[in-house]
Amino acid sequence: MHTAIYLLTFAVLLVGIYAVVAKKNLIKIIIGVLIIDYAVNMLLVLVGYRSGGKAPILSEGQSGAEMAATAVDPLPQAMVLTSIVIGLGLTALMVALGIRLYEKYNTFDMNEIRRLRG
């Protein structure tokens, strides 16, 4: 079951890479970057998943080794939260640049923008 989820995440990543590389419409490129961001977040969540895991809180009378054996690693969760915030900023920047390009060239087609730029 875990292999299927990893393969699905990899497939989503490939869809995003395809959109960035093969598409010429700026909106589709932005959506491709967002799909890549979501796939990386899914991969980080999958790497940090532990079935039957508990919160890493040391209880009274519990040794550190016992806690480490059952605790979930909080680092991937923190990385995903950070990645979500960075992705939001990146999305805002890409949309703002896309709007500016559209105002200047009246098109989202990257080939047309390159041609009009000279």
PDB file of N, CA and C in Angstrom:
ATOM      1  N   MET A   1       0.819  -1.197   0.000  1.00  0.00           N
ATOM      2  CA  MET A   1       0.000   0.000   0.000  1.00  0.00           C
ATOM      3  C   MET A   1       0.860   1.257   0.000  1.00  0.00           C
ATOM      4  N   HIS A   2       1.943   1.239   0.772  1.00  0.00           N
ATOM      5  CA  HIS A   2       2.802   2.417   0.843  1.00  0.00           C
ATOM      6  C   HIS A   2       3.455   2.698  -0.505  1.00  0.00           C
ATOM      7  N   THR A   3       3.803   1.645  -1.231  1.00  0.00           N
ATOM      8  CA  THR A   3       4.433   1.826  -2.533  1.00  0.00           C
ATOM      9  C   THR A   3       3.485   2.526  -3.494  1.00  0.00           C
ATOM     10  N   ALA A   4       2.215   2.177  -3.459  1.00  0.00           N
ATOM     11  CA  ALA A   4       1.236   2.812  -4.344  1.00  0.00           C
ATOM     12  C   ALA A   4       1.112   4.302  -4.043  1.00  0.00           C
ATOM     13  N   ILE A   5       1.159   4.664  -2.782  1.00  0.00           N
ATOM     14  CA  ILE A   5       1.053   6.081  -2.419  1.00  0.00           C
ATOM     15  C   ILE A   5       2.290   6.844  -2.887  1.00  0.00           C
ATOM     16  N   TYR A   6       3.470   6.234  -2.733  1.00  0.00           N
ATOM     17  CA  TYR A   6       4.689   6.878  -3.225  1.00  0.00           C
ATOM     18  C   TYR A   6       4.651   7.028  -4.746  1.00  0.00           C
ATOM     19  N   LEU A   7       4.172   6.014  -5.448  1.00  0.00           N
ATOM     20  CA  LEU A   7       4.070   6.095  -6.907  1.00  0.00           C
ATOM     21  C   LEU A   7       3.070   7.163  -7.337  1.00  0.00           C
ATOM     22  N   LEU A   8       1.969   7.280  -6.616  1.00  0.00           N
ATOM     23  CA  LEU A   8       0.989   8.320  -6.917  1.00  0.00           C
ATOM     24  C   LEU A   8       1.594   9.710  -6.711  1.00  0.00           C
ATOM     25  N   THR A   9       2.348   9.875  -5.642  1.00  0.00           N
ATOM     26  CA  THR A   9       3.015  11.154  -5.386  1.00  0.00           C
ATOM     27  C   THR A   9       4.017  11.469  -6.490  1.00  0.00           C
ATOM     28  N   PHE A  10       4.767  10.454  -6.916  1.00  0.00           N
ATOM     29  CA  PHE A  10       5.731  10.646  -7.998  1.00  0.00           C
ATOM     30  C   PHE A  10       5.015  11.002  -9.300  1.00  0.00           C
ATOM     31  N   ALA A  11       3.853  10.381  -9.554  1.00  0.00           N
ATOM     32  CA  ALA A  11       3.081  10.698 -10.754  1.00  0.00           C
ATOM     33  C   ALA A  11       2.593  12.146 -10.721  1.00  0.00           C
ATOM     34  N   VAL A  12       2.148  12.601  -9.572  1.00  0.00           N
ATOM     35  CA  VAL A  12       1.716  14.000  -9.437  1.00  0.00           C
ATOM     36  C   VAL A  12       2.896  14.935  -9.696  1.00  0.00           C
ATOM     37  N   LEU A  13       4.070  14.578  -9.183  1.00  0.00           N
ATOM     38  CA  LEU A  13       5.275  15.375  -9.423  1.00  0.00           C
ATOM     39  C   LEU A  13       5.595  15.436 -10.916  1.00  0.00           C
ATOM     40  N   LEU A  14       5.482  14.311 -11.612  1.00  0.00           N
ATOM     41  CA  LEU A  14       5.744  14.285 -13.053  1.00  0.00           C
ATOM     42  C   LEU A  14       4.736  15.131 -13.832  1.00  0.00           C
ATOM     43  N   VAL A  15       3.487  15.145 -13.401  1.00  0.00           N
ATOM     44  CA  VAL A  15       2.480  15.992 -14.050  1.00  0.00           C
ATOM     45  C   VAL A  15       2.869  17.461 -13.912  1.00  0.00           C
ATOM     46  N   GLY A  16       3.323  17.848 -12.729  1.00  0.00           N
ATOM     47  CA  GLY A  16       3.753  19.228 -12.520  1.00  0.00           C
ATOM     48  C   GLY A  16       4.964  19.588 -13.357  1.00  0.00           C
ATOM     49  N   ILE A  17       5.935  18.680 -13.425  1.00  0.00           N
ATOM     50  CA  ILE A  17       7.130  18.932 -14.243  1.00  0.00           C
ATOM     51  C   ILE A  17       6.747  19.047 -15.716  1.00  0.00           C
ATOM     52  N   TYR A  18       5.845  18.185 -16.171  1.00  0.00           N
ATOM     53  CA  TYR A  18       5.378  18.259 -17.561  1.00  0.00           C
ATOM     54  C   TYR A  18       4.734  19.615 -17.840  1.00  0.00           C
ATOM     55  N   ALA A  19       3.908  20.092 -16.927  1.00  0.00           N
ATOM     56  CA  ALA A  19       3.233  21.375 -17.132  1.00  0.00           C
ATOM     57  C   ALA A  19       4.232  22.522 -17.206  1.00  0.00           C
ATOM     58  N   VAL A  20       5.275  22.469 -16.398  1.00  0.00           N
ATOM     59  CA  VAL A  20       6.267  23.549 -16.404  1.00  0.00           C
ATOM     60  C   VAL A  20       7.109  23.506 -17.676  1.00  0.00           C
ATOM     61  N   VAL A  21       7.491  22.315 -18.100  1.00  0.00           N
ATOM     62  CA  VAL A  21       8.413  22.183 -19.230  1.00  0.00           C
ATOM     63  C   VAL A  21       7.703  22.282 -20.579  1.00  0.00           C
ATOM     64  N   ALA A  22       6.553  21.648 -20.725  1.00  0.00           N
ATOM     65  CA  ALA A  22       5.943  21.504 -22.044  1.00  0.00           C
ATOM     66  C   ALA A  22       4.925  22.583 -22.388  1.00  0.00           C
ATOM     67  N   LYS A  23       4.335  23.218 -21.430  1.00  0.00           N
ATOM     68  CA  LYS A  23       3.278  24.189 -21.713  1.00  0.00           C
ATOM     69  C   LYS A  23       3.867  25.569 -21.974  1.00  0.00           C
ATOM     70  N   LYS A  24       3.185  26.330 -22.826  1.00  0.00           N
ATOM     71  CA  LYS A  24       3.640  27.674 -23.176  1.00  0.00           C
ATOM     72  C   LYS A  24       2.762  28.766 -22.573  1.00  0.00           C
ATOM     73  N   ASN A  25       1.640  28.383 -22.004  1.00  0.00           N
ATOM     74  CA  ASN A  25       0.747  29.345 -21.375  1.00  0.00           C
ATOM     75  C   ASN A  25       1.236  29.609 -19.953  1.00  0.00           C
ATOM     76  N   LEU A  26       1.373  30.874 -19.597  1.00  0.00           N
ATOM     77  CA  LEU A  26       1.911  31.250 -18.294  1.00  0.00           C
ATOM     78  C   LEU A  26       1.045  30.742 -17.141  1.00  0.00           C
ATOM     79  N   ILE A  27      -0.262  30.740 -17.302  1.00  0.00           N
ATOM     80  CA  ILE A  27      -1.158  30.241 -16.253  1.00  0.00           C
ATOM     81  C   ILE A  27      -0.916  28.753 -16.017  1.00  0.00           C
ATOM     82  N   LYS A  28      -0.756  27.987 -17.091  1.00  0.00           N
ATOM     83  CA  LYS A  28      -0.495  26.553 -16.957  1.00  0.00           C
ATOM     84  C   LYS A  28       0.866  26.291 -16.317  1.00  0.00           C
ATOM     85  N   ILE A  29       1.828  27.131 -16.594  1.00  0.00           N
ATOM     86  CA  ILE A  29       3.149  26.994 -15.965  1.00  0.00           C
ATOM     87  C   ILE A  29       3.039  27.260 -14.466  1.00  0.00           C
ATOM     88  N   ILE A  30       2.294  28.281 -14.085  1.00  0.00           N
ATOM     89  CA  ILE A  30       2.093  28.583 -12.661  1.00  0.00           C
ATOM     90  C   ILE A  30       1.386  27.418 -11.970  1.00  0.00           C
ATOM     91  N   ILE A  31       0.373  26.865 -12.608  1.00  0.00           N
ATOM     92  CA  ILE A  31      -0.329  25.711 -12.031  1.00  0.00           C
ATOM     93  C   ILE A  31       0.618  24.523 -11.910  1.00  0.00           C
ATOM     94  N   GLY A  32       1.501  24.333 -12.885  1.00  0.00           N
ATOM     95  CA  GLY A  32       2.490  23.255 -12.808  1.00  0.00           C
ATOM     96  C   GLY A  32       3.429  23.415 -11.629  1.00  0.00           C
ATOM     97  N   VAL A  33       3.863  24.638 -11.367  1.00  0.00           N
ATOM     98  CA  VAL A  33       4.730  24.885 -10.204  1.00  0.00           C
ATOM     99  C   VAL A  33       3.978  24.583  -8.912  1.00  0.00           C
ATOM    100  N   LEU A  34       2.709  24.941  -8.856  1.00  0.00           N
ATOM    101  CA  LEU A  34       1.898  24.640  -7.668  1.00  0.00           C
ATOM    102  C   LEU A  34       1.736  23.133  -7.478  1.00  0.00           C
ATOM    103  N   ILE A  35       1.545  22.403  -8.563  1.00  0.00           N
ATOM    104  CA  ILE A  35       1.424  20.945  -8.469  1.00  0.00           C
ATOM    105  C   ILE A  35       2.722  20.338  -7.957  1.00  0.00           C
ATOM    106  N   ILE A  36       3.854  20.845  -8.416  1.00  0.00           N
ATOM    107  CA  ILE A  36       5.148  20.360  -7.913  1.00  0.00           C
ATOM    108  C   ILE A  36       5.258  20.631  -6.416  1.00  0.00           C
ATOM    109  N   ASP A  37       4.835  21.817  -5.999  1.00  0.00           N
ATOM    110  CA  ASP A  37       4.875  22.168  -4.576  1.00  0.00           C
ATOM    111  C   ASP A  37       4.021  21.208  -3.752  1.00  0.00           C
ATOM    112  N   TYR A  38       2.815  20.909  -4.233  1.00  0.00           N
ATOM    113  CA  TYR A  38       1.935  19.983  -3.514  1.00  0.00           C
ATOM    114  C   TYR A  38       2.528  18.581  -3.461  1.00  0.00           C
ATOM    115  N   ALA A  39       3.156  18.151  -4.553  1.00  0.00           N
ATOM    116  CA  ALA A  39       3.754  16.810  -4.574  1.00  0.00           C
ATOM    117  C   ALA A  39       4.911  16.707  -3.587  1.00  0.00           C
ATOM    118  N   VAL A  40       5.718  17.752  -3.497  1.00  0.00           N
ATOM    119  CA  VAL A  40       6.826  17.739  -2.532  1.00  0.00           C
ATOM    120  C   VAL A  40       6.282  17.710  -1.107  1.00  0.00           C
ATOM    121  N   ASN A  41       5.228  18.458  -0.846  1.00  0.00           N
ATOM    122  CA  ASN A  41       4.610  18.424   0.487  1.00  0.00           C
ATOM    123  C   ASN A  41       4.062  17.039   0.805  1.00  0.00           C
ATOM    124  N   MET A  42       3.424  16.401  -0.176  1.00  0.00           N
ATOM    125  CA  MET A  42       2.923  15.038   0.043  1.00  0.00           C
ATOM    126  C   MET A  42       4.068  14.082   0.338  1.00  0.00           C
ATOM    127  N   LEU A  43       5.177  14.234  -0.376  1.00  0.00           N
ATOM    128  CA  LEU A  43       6.327  13.362  -0.149  1.00  0.00           C
ATOM    129  C   LEU A  43       6.894  13.560   1.254  1.00  0.00           C
ATOM    130  N   LEU A  44       6.983  14.805   1.706  1.00  0.00           N
ATOM    131  CA  LEU A  44       7.484  15.058   3.059  1.00  0.00           C
ATOM    132  C   LEU A  44       6.561  14.459   4.123  1.00  0.00           C
ATOM    133  N   VAL A  45       5.262  14.551   3.910  1.00  0.00           N
ATOM    134  CA  VAL A  45       4.320  13.952   4.859  1.00  0.00           C
ATOM    135  C   VAL A  45       4.473  12.436   4.864  1.00  0.00           C
ATOM    136  N   LEU A  46       4.628  11.837   3.696  1.00  0.00           N
ATOM    137  CA  LEU A  46       4.791  10.380   3.617  1.00  0.00           C
ATOM    138  C   LEU A  46       6.080   9.916   4.279  1.00  0.00           C
ATOM    139  N   VAL A  47       7.151  10.682   4.118  1.00  0.00           N
ATOM    140  CA  VAL A  47       8.429  10.305   4.732  1.00  0.00           C
ATOM    141  C   VAL A  47       8.324  10.356   6.252  1.00  0.00           C
ATOM    142  N   GLY A  48       7.581  11.318   6.779  1.00  0.00           N
ATOM    143  CA  GLY A  48       7.463  11.461   8.226  1.00  0.00           C
ATOM    144  C   GLY A  48       6.391  10.605   8.864  1.00  0.00           C
ATOM    145  N   TYR A  49       5.627   9.866   8.062  1.00  0.00           N
ATOM    146  CA  TYR A  49       4.526   9.066   8.610  1.00  0.00           C
ATOM    147  C   TYR A  49       5.061   7.820   9.316  1.00  0.00           C
ATOM    148  N   ARG A  50       4.494   7.537  10.458  1.00  0.00           N
ATOM    149  CA  ARG A  50       4.791   6.306  11.202  1.00  0.00           C
ATOM    150  C   ARG A  50       3.468   5.775  11.728  1.00  0.00           C
ATOM    151  N   SER A  51       3.091   4.562  11.299  1.00  0.00           N
ATOM    152  CA  SER A  51       1.804   4.028  11.744  1.00  0.00           C
ATOM    153  C   SER A  51       1.892   3.663  13.221  1.00  0.00           C
ATOM    154  N   GLY A  52       0.876   4.031  13.947  1.00  0.00           N
ATOM    155  CA  GLY A  52       0.857   3.782  15.384  1.00  0.00           C
ATOM    156  C   GLY A  52       1.737   4.736  16.169  1.00  0.00           C
ATOM    157  N   GLY A  53       2.207   5.790  15.526  1.00  0.00           N
ATOM    158  CA  GLY A  53       3.080   6.749  16.197  1.00  0.00           C
ATOM    159  C   GLY A  53       2.322   7.631  17.166  1.00  0.00           C
ATOM    160  N   LYS A  54       3.044   8.138  18.140  1.00  0.00           N
ATOM    161  CA  LYS A  54       2.464   9.021  19.148  1.00  0.00           C
ATOM    162  C   LYS A  54       3.212  10.346  19.135  1.00  0.00           C
ATOM    163  N   ALA A  55       2.613  11.348  19.745  1.00  0.00           N
ATOM    164  CA  ALA A  55       3.259  12.653  19.847  1.00  0.00           C
ATOM    165  C   ALA A  55       4.543  12.526  20.662  1.00  0.00           C
ATOM    166  N   PRO A  56       5.606  13.217  20.269  1.00  0.00           N
ATOM    167  CA  PRO A  56       6.889  13.093  20.968  1.00  0.00           C
ATOM    168  C   PRO A  56       6.921  13.871  22.282  1.00  0.00           C
ATOM    169  N   ILE A  57       6.129  13.415  23.238  1.00  0.00           N
ATOM    170  CA  ILE A  57       6.071  14.046  24.558  1.00  0.00           C
ATOM    171  C   ILE A  57       6.551  13.023  25.573  1.00  0.00           C
ATOM    172  N   LEU A  58       7.558  13.386  26.337  1.00  0.00           N
ATOM    173  CA  LEU A  58       8.128  12.482  27.335  1.00  0.00           C
ATOM    174  C   LEU A  58       7.251  12.497  28.582  1.00  0.00           C
ATOM    175  N   SER A  59       6.632  11.358  28.873  1.00  0.00           N
ATOM    176  CA  SER A  59       5.768  11.236  30.048  1.00  0.00           C
ATOM    177  C   SER A  59       6.602  10.895  31.271  1.00  0.00           C
ATOM    178  N   GLU A  60       6.017  11.139  32.415  1.00  0.00           N
ATOM    179  CA  GLU A  60       6.706  10.818  33.658  1.00  0.00           C
ATOM    180  C   GLU A  60       6.840   9.296  33.773  1.00  0.00           C
ATOM    181  N   GLY A  61       8.028   8.839  34.112  1.00  0.00           N
ATOM    182  CA  GLY A  61       8.298   7.418  34.252  1.00  0.00           C
ATOM    183  C   GLY A  61       8.645   6.729  32.941  1.00  0.00           C
ATOM    184  N   GLN A  62       8.680   7.467  31.862  1.00  0.00           N
ATOM    185  CA  GLN A  62       9.004   6.892  30.560  1.00  0.00           C
ATOM    186  C   GLN A  62      10.430   7.278  30.191  1.00  0.00           C
ATOM    187  N   SER A  63      11.190   6.325  29.702  1.00  0.00           N
ATOM    188  CA  SER A  63      12.569   6.628  29.318  1.00  0.00           C
ATOM    189  C   SER A  63      12.589   7.245  27.919  1.00  0.00           C
ATOM    190  N   GLY A  64      13.688   7.899  27.616  1.00  0.00           N
ATOM    191  CA  GLY A  64      13.839   8.513  26.296  1.00  0.00           C
ATOM    192  C   GLY A  64      13.839   7.484  25.185  1.00  0.00           C
ATOM    193  N   ALA A  65      14.395   6.304  25.455  1.00  0.00           N
ATOM    194  CA  ALA A  65      14.431   5.247  24.443  1.00  0.00           C
ATOM    195  C   ALA A  65      13.028   4.731  24.131  1.00  0.00           C
ATOM    196  N   GLU A  66      12.180   4.608  25.160  1.00  0.00           N
ATOM    197  CA  GLU A  66      10.800   4.165  24.938  1.00  0.00           C
ATOM    198  C   GLU A  66      10.029   5.185  24.105  1.00  0.00           C
ATOM    199  N   MET A  67      10.241   6.458  24.425  1.00  0.00           N
ATOM    200  CA  MET A  67       9.548   7.495  23.679  1.00  0.00           C
ATOM    201  C   MET A  67      10.029   7.515  22.228  1.00  0.00           C
ATOM    202  N   ALA A  68      11.341   7.390  22.020  1.00  0.00           N
ATOM    203  CA  ALA A  68      11.890   7.428  20.669  1.00  0.00           C
ATOM    204  C   ALA A  68      11.402   6.257  19.822  1.00  0.00           C
ATOM    205  N   ALA A  69      11.099   5.140  20.461  1.00  0.00           N
ATOM    206  CA  ALA A  69      10.640   3.966  19.716  1.00  0.00           C
ATOM    207  C   ALA A  69       9.230   4.145  19.164  1.00  0.00           C
ATOM    208  N   THR A  70       8.414   4.960  19.810  1.00  0.00           N
ATOM    209  CA  THR A  70       7.022   5.110  19.375  1.00  0.00           C
ATOM    210  C   THR A  70       6.694   6.512  18.873  1.00  0.00           C
ATOM    211  N   ALA A  71       7.575   7.465  19.058  1.00  0.00           N
ATOM    212  CA  ALA A  71       7.260   8.858  18.723  1.00  0.00           C
ATOM    213  C   ALA A  71       7.369   9.114  17.223  1.00  0.00           C
ATOM    214  N   VAL A  72       6.572  10.054  16.768  1.00  0.00           N
ATOM    215  CA  VAL A  72       6.612  10.514  15.386  1.00  0.00           C
ATOM    216  C   VAL A  72       7.623  11.651  15.302  1.00  0.00           C
ATOM    217  N   ASP A  73       8.396  11.671  14.226  1.00  0.00           N
ATOM    218  CA  ASP A  73       9.382  12.729  14.034  1.00  0.00           C
ATOM    219  C   ASP A  73       8.656  14.028  13.657  1.00  0.00           C
ATOM    220  N   PRO A  74       8.798  15.101  14.438  1.00  0.00           N
ATOM    221  CA  PRO A  74       8.080  16.341  14.130  1.00  0.00           C
ATOM    222  C   PRO A  74       8.753  17.184  13.041  1.00  0.00           C
ATOM    223  N   LEU A  75       9.974  16.858  12.660  1.00  0.00           N
ATOM    224  CA  LEU A  75      10.690  17.666  11.678  1.00  0.00           C
ATOM    225  C   LEU A  75       9.992  17.700  10.310  1.00  0.00           C
ATOM    226  N   PRO A  76       9.557  16.570   9.740  1.00  0.00           N
ATOM    227  CA  PRO A  76       8.851  16.664   8.449  1.00  0.00           C
ATOM    228  C   PRO A  76       7.580  17.507   8.522  1.00  0.00           C
ATOM    229  N   GLN A  77       6.881  17.455   9.639  1.00  0.00           N
ATOM    230  CA  GLN A  77       5.673  18.265   9.784  1.00  0.00           C
ATOM    231  C   GLN A  77       6.020  19.751   9.784  1.00  0.00           C
ATOM    232  N   ALA A  78       7.085  20.109  10.483  1.00  0.00           N
ATOM    233  CA  ALA A  78       7.520  21.505  10.502  1.00  0.00           C
ATOM    234  C   ALA A  78       7.990  21.944   9.117  1.00  0.00           C
ATOM    235  N   MET A  79       8.662  21.041   8.411  1.00  0.00           N
ATOM    236  CA  MET A  79       9.120  21.370   7.055  1.00  0.00           C
ATOM    237  C   MET A  79       7.941  21.583   6.111  1.00  0.00           C
ATOM    238  N   VAL A  80       6.892  20.787   6.250  1.00  0.00           N
ATOM    239  CA  VAL A  80       5.709  20.950   5.402  1.00  0.00           C
ATOM    240  C   VAL A  80       5.028  22.281   5.695  1.00  0.00           C
ATOM    241  N   LEU A  81       4.901  22.638   6.957  1.00  0.00           N
ATOM    242  CA  LEU A  81       4.299  23.936   7.292  1.00  0.00           C
ATOM    243  C   LEU A  81       5.114  25.084   6.708  1.00  0.00           C
ATOM    244  N   THR A  82       6.429  24.994   6.814  1.00  0.00           N
ATOM    245  CA  THR A  82       7.298  26.018   6.234  1.00  0.00           C
ATOM    246  C   THR A  82       7.158  26.042   4.719  1.00  0.00           C
ATOM    247  N   SER A  83       7.089  24.873   4.112  1.00  0.00           N
ATOM    248  CA  SER A  83       6.945  24.784   2.665  1.00  0.00           C
ATOM    249  C   SER A  83       5.616  25.366   2.191  1.00  0.00           C
ATOM    250  N   ILE A  84       4.572  25.184   2.966  1.00  0.00           N
ATOM    251  CA  ILE A  84       3.269  25.752   2.602  1.00  0.00           C
ATOM    252  C   ILE A  84       3.336  27.276   2.595  1.00  0.00           C
ATOM    253  N   VAL A  85       3.984  27.849   3.595  1.00  0.00           N
ATOM    254  CA  VAL A  85       4.116  29.313   3.665  1.00  0.00           C
ATOM    255  C   VAL A  85       4.969  29.826   2.509  1.00  0.00           C
ATOM    256  N   ILE A  86       6.072  29.149   2.228  1.00  0.00           N
ATOM    257  CA  ILE A  86       6.926  29.555   1.110  1.00  0.00           C
ATOM    258  C   ILE A  86       6.168  29.415  -0.210  1.00  0.00           C
ATOM    259  N   GLY A  87       5.395  28.337  -0.354  1.00  0.00           N
ATOM    260  CA  GLY A  87       4.600  28.143  -1.563  1.00  0.00           C
ATOM    261  C   GLY A  87       3.562  29.233  -1.751  1.00  0.00           C
ATOM    262  N   LEU A  88       2.972  29.690  -0.658  1.00  0.00           N
ATOM    263  CA  LEU A  88       2.001  30.780  -0.743  1.00  0.00           C
ATOM    264  C   LEU A  88       2.675  32.061  -1.238  1.00  0.00           C
ATOM    265  N   GLY A  89       3.849  32.367  -0.702  1.00  0.00           N
ATOM    266  CA  GLY A  89       4.581  33.545  -1.161  1.00  0.00           C
ATOM    267  C   GLY A  89       4.992  33.426  -2.618  1.00  0.00           C
ATOM    268  N   LEU A  90       5.442  32.242  -3.010  1.00  0.00           N
ATOM    269  CA  LEU A  90       5.833  32.003  -4.395  1.00  0.00           C
ATOM    270  C   LEU A  90       4.633  32.136  -5.330  1.00  0.00           C
ATOM    271  N   THR A  91       3.493  31.636  -4.905  1.00  0.00           N
ATOM    272  CA  THR A  91       2.278  31.753  -5.708  1.00  0.00           C
ATOM    273  C   THR A  91       1.893  33.216  -5.896  1.00  0.00           C
ATOM    274  N   ALA A  92       1.937  33.984  -4.826  1.00  0.00           N
ATOM    275  CA  ALA A  92       1.606  35.410  -4.926  1.00  0.00           C
ATOM    276  C   ALA A  92       2.558  36.125  -5.877  1.00  0.00           C
ATOM    277  N   LEU A  93       3.839  35.799  -5.795  1.00  0.00           N
ATOM    278  CA  LEU A  93       4.823  36.423  -6.682  1.00  0.00           C
ATOM    279  C   LEU A  93       4.573  36.039  -8.138  1.00  0.00           C
ATOM    280  N   MET A  94       4.323  34.758  -8.395  1.00  0.00           N
ATOM    281  CA  MET A  94       4.092  34.316  -9.776  1.00  0.00           C
ATOM    282  C   MET A  94       2.827  34.939 -10.357  1.00  0.00           C
ATOM    283  N   VAL A  95       1.770  35.021  -9.568  1.00  0.00           N
ATOM    284  CA  VAL A  95       0.529  35.624 -10.056  1.00  0.00           C
ATOM    285  C   VAL A  95       0.735  37.115 -10.324  1.00  0.00           C
ATOM    286  N   ALA A  96       1.452  37.805  -9.441  1.00  0.00           N
ATOM    287  CA  ALA A  96       1.717  39.231  -9.647  1.00  0.00           C
ATOM    288  C   ALA A  96       2.546  39.459 -10.913  1.00  0.00           C
ATOM    289  N   LEU A  97       3.566  38.631 -11.120  1.00  0.00           N
ATOM    290  CA  LEU A  97       4.369  38.762 -12.341  1.00  0.00           C
ATOM    291  C   LEU A  97       3.544  38.423 -13.580  1.00  0.00           C
ATOM    292  N   GLY A  98       2.680  37.422 -13.465  1.00  0.00           N
ATOM    293  CA  GLY A  98       1.808  37.077 -14.586  1.00  0.00           C
ATOM    294  C   GLY A  98       0.866  38.214 -14.947  1.00  0.00           C
ATOM    295  N   ILE A  99       0.324  38.877 -13.939  1.00  0.00           N
ATOM    296  CA  ILE A  99      -0.565  40.017 -14.188  1.00  0.00           C
ATOM    297  C   ILE A  99       0.201  41.147 -14.862  1.00  0.00           C
ATOM    298  N   ARG A 100       1.407  41.415 -14.386  1.00  0.00           N
ATOM    299  CA  ARG A 100       2.219  42.487 -14.998  1.00  0.00           C
ATOM    300  C   ARG A 100       2.568  42.162 -16.451  1.00  0.00           C
ATOM    301  N   LEU A 101       2.923  40.893 -16.712  1.00  0.00           N
ATOM    302  CA  LEU A 101       3.219  40.504 -18.091  1.00  0.00           C
ATOM    303  C   LEU A 101       1.986  40.637 -18.978  1.00  0.00           C
ATOM    304  N   TYR A 102       0.828  40.277 -18.450  1.00  0.00           N
ATOM    305  CA  TYR A 102      -0.397  40.399 -19.237  1.00  0.00           C
ATOM    306  C   TYR A 102      -0.732  41.866 -19.506  1.00  0.00           C
ATOM    307  N   GLU A 103      -0.525  42.724 -18.510  1.00  0.00           N
ATOM    308  CA  GLU A 103      -0.786  44.155 -18.716  1.00  0.00           C
ATOM    309  C   GLU A 103       0.123  44.732 -19.791  1.00  0.00           C
ATOM    310  N   LYS A 104       1.351  44.258 -19.846  1.00  0.00           N
ATOM    311  CA  LYS A 104       2.317  44.808 -20.798  1.00  0.00           C
ATOM    312  C   LYS A 104       2.146  44.224 -22.198  1.00  0.00           C
ATOM    313  N   TYR A 105       1.919  42.901 -22.301  1.00  0.00           N
ATOM    314  CA  TYR A 105       1.908  42.237 -23.605  1.00  0.00           C
ATOM    315  C   TYR A 105       0.526  41.748 -24.045  1.00  0.00           C
ATOM    316  N   ASN A 106      -0.489  41.811 -23.194  1.00  0.00           N
ATOM    317  CA  ASN A 106      -1.853  41.366 -23.492  1.00  0.00           C
ATOM    318  C   ASN A 106      -1.933  39.909 -23.940  1.00  0.00           C
ATOM    319  N   THR A 107      -1.077  39.069 -23.391  1.00  0.00           N
ATOM    320  CA  THR A 107      -1.110  37.640 -23.689  1.00  0.00           C
ATOM    321  C   THR A 107      -0.439  36.867 -22.559  1.00  0.00           C
ATOM    322  N   PHE A 108      -0.828  35.592 -22.437  1.00  0.00           N
ATOM    323  CA  PHE A 108      -0.166  34.696 -21.490  1.00  0.00           C
ATOM    324  C   PHE A 108       0.740  33.706 -22.211  1.00  0.00           C
ATOM    325  N   ASP A 109       0.794  33.766 -23.537  1.00  0.00           N
ATOM    326  CA  ASP A 109       1.609  32.849 -24.325  1.00  0.00           C
ATOM    327  C   ASP A 109       3.078  33.271 -24.245  1.00  0.00           C
ATOM    328  N   MET A 110       3.915  32.367 -23.742  1.00  0.00           N
ATOM    329  CA  MET A 110       5.327  32.709 -23.540  1.00  0.00           C
ATOM    330  C   MET A 110       6.056  32.940 -24.862  1.00  0.00           C
ATOM    331  N   ASN A 111       5.707  32.216 -25.921  1.00  0.00           N
ATOM    332  CA  ASN A 111       6.345  32.444 -27.224  1.00  0.00           C
ATOM    333  C   ASN A 111       6.016  33.836 -27.749  1.00  0.00           C
ATOM    334  N   GLU A 112       4.767  34.244 -27.581  1.00  0.00           N
ATOM    335  CA  GLU A 112       4.351  35.576 -28.021  1.00  0.00           C
ATOM    336  C   GLU A 112       5.037  36.665 -27.192  1.00  0.00           C
ATOM    337  N   ILE A 113       5.181  36.445 -25.900  1.00  0.00           N
ATOM    338  CA  ILE A 113       5.861  37.423 -25.041  1.00  0.00           C
ATOM    339  C   ILE A 113       7.317  37.566 -25.464  1.00  0.00           C
ATOM    340  N   ARG A 114       7.979  36.442 -25.757  1.00  0.00           N
ATOM    341  CA  ARG A 114       9.374  36.510 -26.223  1.00  0.00           C
ATOM    342  C   ARG A 114       9.470  37.254 -27.555  1.00  0.00           C
ATOM    343  N   ARG A 115       8.518  37.008 -28.457  1.00  0.00           N
ATOM    344  CA  ARG A 115       8.539  37.667 -29.761  1.00  0.00           C
ATOM    345  C   ARG A 115       8.303  39.168 -29.612  1.00  0.00           C
ATOM    346  N   LEU A 116       7.357  39.564 -28.761  1.00  0.00           N
ATOM    347  CA  LEU A 116       7.055  40.980 -28.579  1.00  0.00           C
ATOM    348  C   LEU A 116       8.169  41.715 -27.843  1.00  0.00           C
ATOM    349  N   ARG A 117       8.892  40.989 -27.013  1.00  0.00           N
ATOM    350  CA  ARG A 117       9.977  41.606 -26.253  1.00  0.00           C
ATOM    351  C   ARG A 117      11.101  42.048 -27.179  1.00  0.00           C
ATOM    352  N   GLY A 118      11.260  41.375 -28.248  1.00  0.00           N
ATOM    353  CA  GLY A 118      12.263  41.779 -29.228  1.00  0.00           C
ATOM    354  C   GLY A 118      13.414  40.901 -29.174  1.00  0.00           C
TER     355      GLY A 118
END
